[in-house]
Every structure is written in C-alpha cells, then in structure tokens.
C-alpha cells in the first residue's frame, strides 16, 4: 500500500516531520519551490504543511484533488480560502497553542514598555540623556484592561495580568459563556465604557478589516492605551494616528502593521505612508517587527500541536 504523501511547503520544527514519518506518511520537503513549481506536484498530496508563504486559494487547492488536511504552523488563516476548503471537506488545522504563551508574554512586555516609557528611556540614556520627569510612568494597578478576542492569546494575556491589581474584562463576538477566573465577559459597549487599556487578539477576517477605526476609538469613555499583537489590518493606522494626536489614545504598542506583506517577512520603512512615519517618530508609540509569537519555544510548540491534531484526527 502506497504511503500517503504530506508536502512541507514550509519548514517547521523537526518534531512534526518525525512524528508524521512515524505514523507512516511519506513526508516531502518542497519548501524551496515557488507556487508555480508546487502546482504540478500537489495533485496526490494527502496533507500540506504551510506557514504563510504561499496563498492557498481555490486555484491552488483545486489542483490538490486528494487533499485531506492543511496544517498551518501558526495562527492566521487569512491566506487560505476557508470556504472552498470547507466545501471540499479539507481540514484546516492552525496551531495557536504553540505560541499562546509567548504572545501573552510579549503583549505584557509591550504594555509595560509603553506605560513606563522604557524603550524611549533606554534610547535616551544610550544617547547621553538622563531624563527622569519626562519619563514618569503610569501604573497598571487599579486600571481596567479590556481584551478583545478571548481565545488562546487573549486568555494567555489575562492569566499573566494576575497579580498586577487590575480588573480584566473581555469581549469575544464568536463566543458565549467565556468568562473565567481571569476575565469577566462583557459586551463591547461595556468594554468601551470601562477600559483604560485595550489589547487586540482577534483574527483577520473580512468582517474584522479595520475593526479598530476612528469611531471605535472615539467610543471609549476614557483615553486609552492600546496594544495590537493580532493582525495589522484589524486596525486603521491613519485613524489611530489621528486619535494619538487628539489624545484619545495615550499610547500605542504595535507588533503588527497593516503594511506588512502576506508572509509578514518584509516591511520597507522608507516606502511607507505618512501614518507610519508618524508612528516611527512618536514618543508614545512602541513598535516590534511581528515577533510576539516568535520565540525559541513557539516553533516546536506549533509542530507538536499540529502533530497531535493530525494524529488525533486520522489515527484515533
């Protein structure tokens, strides 16, 4: 009996390859091939292992006539035609469990940097400036933190906020009865009425495009700090800049930007529009290059999560 073929369009930590081989799959590394080079060889693939390099649209997936699963090493699924995959009965398996902890930690780090001016103060000291009053911080204690999106990443942040003396509230339009010991579930108007800090943990979907815009920000009762470690396109950068200028947003920490390419690998800061140029110079903005989920531990974590899901789905 021929072994079922699994094509690695992108490389992962070795544990996924090793475990699939142990389950009897014929694993093939085609991570150096372009989309055009992949099209003729996916026809008999039982599974595809991907990151975000190649777009999984209908034109591509229709060539994979034997496909049973797409294993996405990572979280976002915006480059996969989920509707077409569902119509074919193809299982789409992301692995948010692999990076939930590092995203939770990175989000905390960004928030503490933002509220305590740590990036700015570090830069100033390195350049011979010893500015204390200009870098007076704002305590988290006593604040209300609003988490938008209460899945793996949102819950990881809520757990890490324990001990800071904050009230944590969460809104998730895809869930019901999701409140727990770490966060109180609320509706969006309640979150906007109470929050001092907002952290975004929602996926990019067409209905979430520019979920955070000027109207959204102006609906908050208080000036807020905002953190985005989700996807760049859920936040309208130009609107954020206007609300930073107006003081409605006290500061922003952004690990993701709407200007990233599909693979999140490239960003040319010299060719970006005016809103980014403002963020780059703003004293109340912290930026990192889409690394919230990028730890030494997360890569094998994604691989183990996918191996578990594939084994559970197809091998009982």
Protein backbone atom coordinates (compact mmCIF):
# COMPACT_ATOMS: atom_id res chain seq x y z
CA UNK A 1 0.00 0.00 0.00
CA UNK A 2 1.38 3.40 -1.01
CA UNK A 3 2.11 5.82 1.77
CA UNK A 4 0.03 8.96 1.93
CA UNK A 5 2.03 12.00 0.86
CA UNK A 6 2.45 15.07 3.03
CA UNK A 7 4.14 18.03 1.37
CA UNK A 8 6.01 20.52 3.53
CA UNK A 9 5.56 23.79 1.65
CA UNK A 10 7.30 25.49 4.56
CA UNK A 11 9.70 24.00 7.08
CA UNK A 12 8.72 23.50 10.72
CA UNK A 13 10.50 22.25 13.80
CA UNK A 14 11.68 18.66 13.10
CA UNK A 15 9.25 17.07 15.57
CA UNK A 16 6.34 17.37 13.12
CA UNK A 17 8.24 15.69 10.28
CA UNK A 18 9.48 12.95 12.63
CA UNK A 19 6.08 12.19 14.08
CA UNK A 20 4.36 12.12 10.69
CA UNK A 21 7.04 9.76 9.37
CA UNK A 22 6.47 7.54 12.42
CA UNK A 23 2.76 7.50 11.58
CA UNK A 24 3.62 6.14 8.14
CA UNK A 25 3.36 9.25 5.96
CA UNK A 26 5.63 9.97 3.00
CA UNK A 27 6.91 13.41 4.00
CA UNK A 28 8.44 15.54 1.25
CA UNK A 29 10.27 18.83 1.66
CA UNK A 30 9.35 21.27 -1.10
CA UNK A 31 9.96 24.41 0.94
CA UNK A 32 12.29 25.84 -1.71
CA UNK A 33 9.76 25.59 -4.52
CA UNK A 34 7.68 28.50 -5.76
CA UNK A 35 3.90 28.42 -6.01
CA UNK A 36 4.17 27.70 -9.73
CA UNK A 37 6.57 24.82 -9.11
CA UNK A 38 4.28 23.37 -6.44
CA UNK A 39 1.13 23.28 -8.57
CA UNK A 40 2.07 20.18 -10.61
CA UNK A 41 3.13 18.12 -7.57
CA UNK A 42 0.26 18.67 -5.09
CA UNK A 43 -2.27 16.59 -7.01
CA UNK A 44 -1.88 13.44 -4.89
CA UNK A 45 -0.99 15.13 -1.60
CA UNK A 46 -2.91 13.88 1.43
CA UNK A 47 -1.71 16.84 3.51
CA UNK A 48 0.05 20.17 3.17
CA UNK A 49 2.17 21.77 5.89
CA UNK A 50 2.35 25.53 5.47
CA UNK A 51 3.16 28.83 7.11
CA UNK A 52 2.11 31.91 5.12
CA UNK A 53 4.47 31.92 2.12
CA UNK A 54 2.06 30.51 -0.46
CA UNK A 55 -1.54 31.60 -0.89
CA UNK A 56 -3.96 28.68 -0.53
CA UNK A 57 -6.68 29.96 -2.83
CA UNK A 58 -9.14 27.93 -4.91
CA UNK A 59 -6.84 27.96 -7.93
CA UNK A 60 -4.12 26.27 -5.87
CA UNK A 61 -6.25 23.93 -3.77
CA UNK A 62 -8.25 22.71 -6.77
CA UNK A 63 -5.05 21.09 -8.03
CA UNK A 64 -4.75 19.07 -4.80
CA UNK A 65 -7.54 16.65 -5.59
CA UNK A 66 -6.68 14.14 -2.84
CA UNK A 67 -6.12 16.71 -0.09
CA UNK A 68 -7.45 15.91 3.38
CA UNK A 69 -5.71 18.47 5.58
CA UNK A 70 -3.80 21.74 5.63
CA UNK A 71 -1.59 22.06 8.70
CA UNK A 72 -0.87 25.74 9.33
CA UNK A 73 2.19 26.21 11.53
CA UNK A 74 1.00 29.37 13.22
CA UNK A 75 -2.26 31.19 13.76
CA UNK A 76 -3.57 33.37 10.94
CA UNK A 77 -5.65 31.76 8.19
CA UNK A 78 -6.26 34.82 6.00
CA UNK A 79 -4.21 33.35 3.13
CA UNK A 80 -6.38 30.20 2.99
CA UNK A 81 -9.71 30.05 1.14
CA UNK A 82 -11.59 28.60 4.08
CA UNK A 83 -14.94 28.50 2.27
CA UNK A 84 -13.53 26.45 -0.58
CA UNK A 85 -11.63 24.18 1.81
CA UNK A 86 -14.86 23.54 3.76
CA UNK A 87 -16.73 22.74 0.54
CA UNK A 88 -14.13 20.07 -0.17
CA UNK A 89 -14.13 18.71 3.36
CA UNK A 90 -10.48 19.68 3.80
CA UNK A 91 -9.49 20.00 7.46
CA UNK A 92 -7.69 23.29 8.16
CA UNK A 93 -5.55 22.91 11.27
CA UNK A 94 -3.92 26.00 12.81
CA UNK A 95 -1.73 25.78 15.89
CA UNK A 96 -2.37 28.77 18.17
CA UNK A 97 -1.47 26.64 21.18
CA UNK A 98 2.15 26.75 20.05
CA UNK A 99 2.58 30.49 20.53
CA UNK A 100 -0.08 31.42 23.09
CA UNK A 101 2.43 31.77 25.91
CA UNK A 102 4.98 33.82 24.03
CA UNK A 103 2.25 36.12 22.69
CA UNK A 104 0.94 36.59 26.22
CA UNK A 105 4.41 37.44 27.49
CA UNK A 106 5.26 39.71 24.58
CA UNK A 107 1.99 41.60 25.00
CA UNK A 108 2.78 42.16 28.66
CA UNK A 109 6.25 43.34 27.69
CA UNK A 110 4.90 45.81 25.15
CA UNK A 111 2.35 47.13 27.62
CA UNK A 112 4.94 47.66 30.37
CA UNK A 113 7.33 49.30 27.91
CA UNK A 114 4.58 51.63 26.74
CA UNK A 115 3.25 52.69 30.13
CA UNK A 116 6.72 53.09 31.64
CA UNK A 117 8.43 54.69 28.62
CA UNK A 118 11.11 52.00 28.70
CA UNK A 119 12.06 51.99 25.01
CA UNK A 120 12.30 55.76 24.95
CA UNK A 121 14.26 55.99 28.21
CA UNK A 122 16.70 53.30 27.06
CA UNK A 123 17.32 55.17 23.82
CA UNK A 124 17.84 58.45 25.65
CA UNK A 125 20.32 57.06 28.18
CA UNK A 126 22.33 55.44 25.37
CA UNK A 127 22.49 58.86 23.75
CA UNK A 128 23.69 60.64 26.86
CA UNK A 129 20.33 61.97 28.06
CA UNK A 130 19.27 61.45 31.68
CA UNK A 131 15.59 62.42 31.64
CA UNK A 132 13.58 61.39 34.70
CA UNK A 133 10.49 63.60 34.87
CA UNK A 134 9.86 63.26 31.15
CA UNK A 135 9.71 59.51 31.55
CA UNK A 136 7.42 59.28 34.58
CA UNK A 137 5.39 56.09 34.19
CA UNK A 138 1.74 55.12 34.61
CA UNK A 139 0.92 52.20 36.90
CA UNK A 140 -1.17 49.29 35.72
CA UNK A 141 -2.52 48.77 39.24
CA UNK A 142 -6.09 49.95 39.58
CA UNK A 143 -6.69 50.08 35.82
CA UNK A 144 -9.22 48.12 33.77
CA UNK A 145 -7.73 46.09 30.93
CA UNK A 146 -10.08 45.24 28.08
CA UNK A 147 -9.16 42.20 25.98
CA UNK A 148 -10.82 41.95 22.58
CA UNK A 149 -10.74 38.35 21.39
CA UNK A 150 -10.67 35.78 24.17
CA UNK A 151 -9.11 32.75 22.54
CA UNK A 152 -5.66 31.28 23.13
CA UNK A 153 -3.84 34.62 23.03
CA UNK A 154 -6.41 36.65 24.93
CA UNK A 155 -6.61 34.13 27.74
CA UNK A 156 -2.80 33.91 27.90
CA UNK A 157 -2.65 37.66 28.49
CA UNK A 158 -5.42 37.54 31.10
CA UNK A 159 -3.55 34.86 33.03
CA UNK A 160 -0.40 36.98 33.03
CA UNK A 161 -2.24 40.03 34.31
CA UNK A 162 -2.98 38.18 37.53
CA UNK A 163 -1.04 39.88 40.29
CA UNK A 164 -0.96 43.34 38.71
CA UNK A 165 -4.01 44.51 40.65
CA UNK A 166 -6.07 45.20 37.54
CA UNK A 167 -9.65 44.45 36.55
CA UNK A 168 -9.72 42.34 33.38
CA UNK A 169 -12.74 42.34 31.08
CA UNK A 170 -13.03 40.56 27.74
CA UNK A 171 -15.21 40.76 24.65
CA UNK A 172 -15.42 37.98 22.04
CA UNK A 173 -18.15 38.10 19.40
CA UNK A 174 -17.57 34.46 18.47
CA UNK A 175 -18.11 33.05 21.96
CA UNK A 176 -20.70 32.80 24.71
CA UNK A 177 -20.22 31.98 28.39
CA UNK A 178 -16.48 32.60 28.12
CA UNK A 179 -15.89 34.46 31.35
CA UNK A 180 -13.48 32.71 33.72
CA UNK A 181 -11.36 33.28 36.80
CA UNK A 182 -9.07 35.60 34.84
CA UNK A 183 -11.52 37.83 32.99
CA UNK A 184 -15.15 38.94 33.13
CA UNK A 185 -17.06 38.61 29.86
CA UNK A 186 -18.72 41.86 28.75
CA UNK A 187 -20.29 43.29 25.63
CA UNK A 188 -18.38 45.78 23.50
CA UNK A 189 -20.16 48.92 24.77
CA UNK A 190 -19.34 47.90 28.36
CA UNK A 191 -15.70 47.35 27.46
CA UNK A 192 -15.57 50.76 25.79
CA UNK A 193 -17.16 52.36 28.85
CA UNK A 194 -14.71 50.85 31.35
CA UNK A 195 -11.33 50.13 29.76
CA UNK A 196 -8.13 52.09 30.40
CA UNK A 197 -6.06 49.65 28.37
CA UNK A 198 -7.14 47.67 25.29
CA UNK A 199 -5.35 44.64 23.85
CA UNK A 200 -6.35 43.17 20.48
CA UNK A 201 -6.34 39.42 19.93
CA UNK A 202 -8.75 38.91 17.04
CA UNK A 203 -8.06 37.13 13.74
CA UNK A 204 -8.04 38.92 10.44
CA UNK A 205 -11.30 38.21 8.65
CA UNK A 206 -13.08 40.38 6.07
CA UNK A 207 -15.55 41.49 8.75
CA UNK A 208 -12.64 42.46 11.02
CA UNK A 209 -10.94 44.67 8.44
CA UNK A 210 -10.32 47.98 10.24
CA UNK A 211 -12.32 46.75 13.23
CA UNK A 212 -10.48 49.47 15.13
CA UNK A 213 -11.13 52.76 13.39
CA UNK A 214 -11.81 56.34 14.46
CA UNK A 215 -15.41 55.65 15.50
CA UNK A 216 -14.30 52.64 17.53
CA UNK A 217 -11.63 54.62 19.36
CA UNK A 218 -13.84 57.63 19.98
CA UNK A 219 -16.47 55.39 21.57
CA UNK A 220 -14.24 54.81 24.62
CA UNK A 221 -15.26 56.79 27.66
CA UNK A 222 -11.67 57.35 28.76
CA UNK A 223 -8.36 57.93 26.97
CA UNK A 224 -6.76 54.54 26.44
CA UNK A 225 -3.51 52.74 25.85
CA UNK A 226 -3.83 50.21 23.01
CA UNK A 227 -1.76 47.13 22.14
CA UNK A 228 -2.04 45.14 18.92
CA UNK A 229 -0.34 41.74 18.64
CA UNK A 230 -3.08 40.30 16.39
CA UNK A 231 -3.03 41.38 12.73
CA UNK A 232 -2.17 44.74 11.25
CA UNK A 233 -5.27 45.03 9.10
CA UNK A 234 -7.67 44.91 12.06
CA UNK A 235 -6.51 48.45 12.92
CA UNK A 236 -6.75 51.55 10.73
CA UNK A 237 -3.34 53.14 11.20
CA UNK A 238 -4.32 56.56 9.86
CA UNK A 239 -7.25 56.73 12.31
CA UNK A 240 -5.02 55.61 15.17
CA UNK A 241 -2.57 58.41 14.39
CA UNK A 242 -5.36 60.99 14.45
CA UNK A 243 -6.53 59.77 17.85
CA UNK A 244 -2.95 59.74 19.17
CA UNK A 245 -2.67 63.37 18.09
CA UNK A 246 -6.03 64.19 19.71
CA UNK A 247 -5.08 62.49 22.99
CA UNK A 248 -7.89 59.94 22.89
CA UNK A 249 -5.19 57.28 22.59
CA UNK A 250 -2.50 57.88 25.21
CA UNK A 251 -0.07 55.49 23.60
CA UNK A 252 0.09 52.52 21.25
CA UNK A 253 2.23 49.37 21.19
CA UNK A 254 2.13 47.60 17.84
CA UNK A 255 3.74 44.29 16.96
CA UNK A 256 1.84 44.17 13.65
CA UNK A 257 1.21 46.73 10.93
CA UNK A 258 -1.26 46.86 8.09
CA UNK A 259 1.63 47.48 5.69
CA UNK A 260 3.21 44.02 6.05
CA UNK A 261 3.21 41.68 3.08
CA UNK A 262 1.27 38.41 3.13
CA UNK A 263 4.17 36.43 4.57
CA UNK A 264 4.84 39.13 7.22
CA UNK A 265 8.52 38.99 6.28
CA UNK A 266 9.03 42.32 4.52
CA UNK A 267 8.49 45.93 5.51
CA UNK A 268 10.39 48.77 3.84
CA UNK A 269 10.17 51.69 6.27
CA UNK A 270 11.37 54.16 3.64
CA UNK A 271 8.44 53.43 1.32
CA UNK A 272 5.66 53.52 3.90
CA UNK A 273 2.91 56.17 4.05
CA UNK A 274 2.70 59.16 6.36
CA UNK A 275 0.86 57.37 9.22
CA UNK A 276 3.80 55.01 9.66
CA UNK A 277 6.27 57.88 9.52
CA UNK A 278 4.34 59.47 12.40
CA UNK A 279 4.42 56.24 14.43
CA UNK A 280 8.14 55.90 13.83
CA UNK A 281 8.80 59.31 15.41
CA UNK A 282 6.09 59.32 18.10
CA UNK A 283 7.33 59.31 21.70
CA UNK A 284 4.26 57.41 22.91
CA UNK A 285 4.48 54.51 20.45
CA UNK A 286 6.34 51.19 20.81
CA UNK A 287 6.95 49.03 17.72
CA UNK A 288 8.19 45.48 17.22
CA UNK A 289 8.52 43.51 13.92
CA UNK A 290 5.74 40.89 14.19
CA UNK A 291 7.62 38.82 16.75
CA UNK A 292 5.03 38.39 19.51
CA UNK A 293 4.67 34.72 18.60
CA UNK A 294 8.32 34.30 17.61
CA UNK A 295 10.18 32.58 20.43
CA UNK A 296 12.58 29.65 20.54
CA UNK A 297 9.85 27.68 22.28
CA UNK A 298 6.98 28.52 19.92
CA UNK A 299 8.36 26.80 16.82
CA UNK A 300 8.46 23.29 18.33
CA UNK A 301 5.23 24.16 20.13
CA UNK A 302 3.45 24.69 16.80
CA UNK A 303 4.92 21.46 15.44
CA UNK A 304 3.81 19.39 18.45
CA UNK A 305 0.31 20.89 18.35
CA UNK A 306 -0.08 20.02 14.67
CA UNK A 307 1.27 16.51 15.16
CA UNK A 308 -1.24 15.95 17.96
CA UNK A 309 -4.11 17.23 15.81
CA UNK A 310 -3.21 15.15 12.76
CA UNK A 311 -2.72 12.02 14.85
CA UNK A 312 -5.99 12.57 16.69
CA UNK A 313 -7.94 13.28 13.51
CA UNK A 314 -6.69 10.46 11.30
CA UNK A 315 -5.32 7.86 13.73
CA UNK A 316 -7.82 7.83 16.57
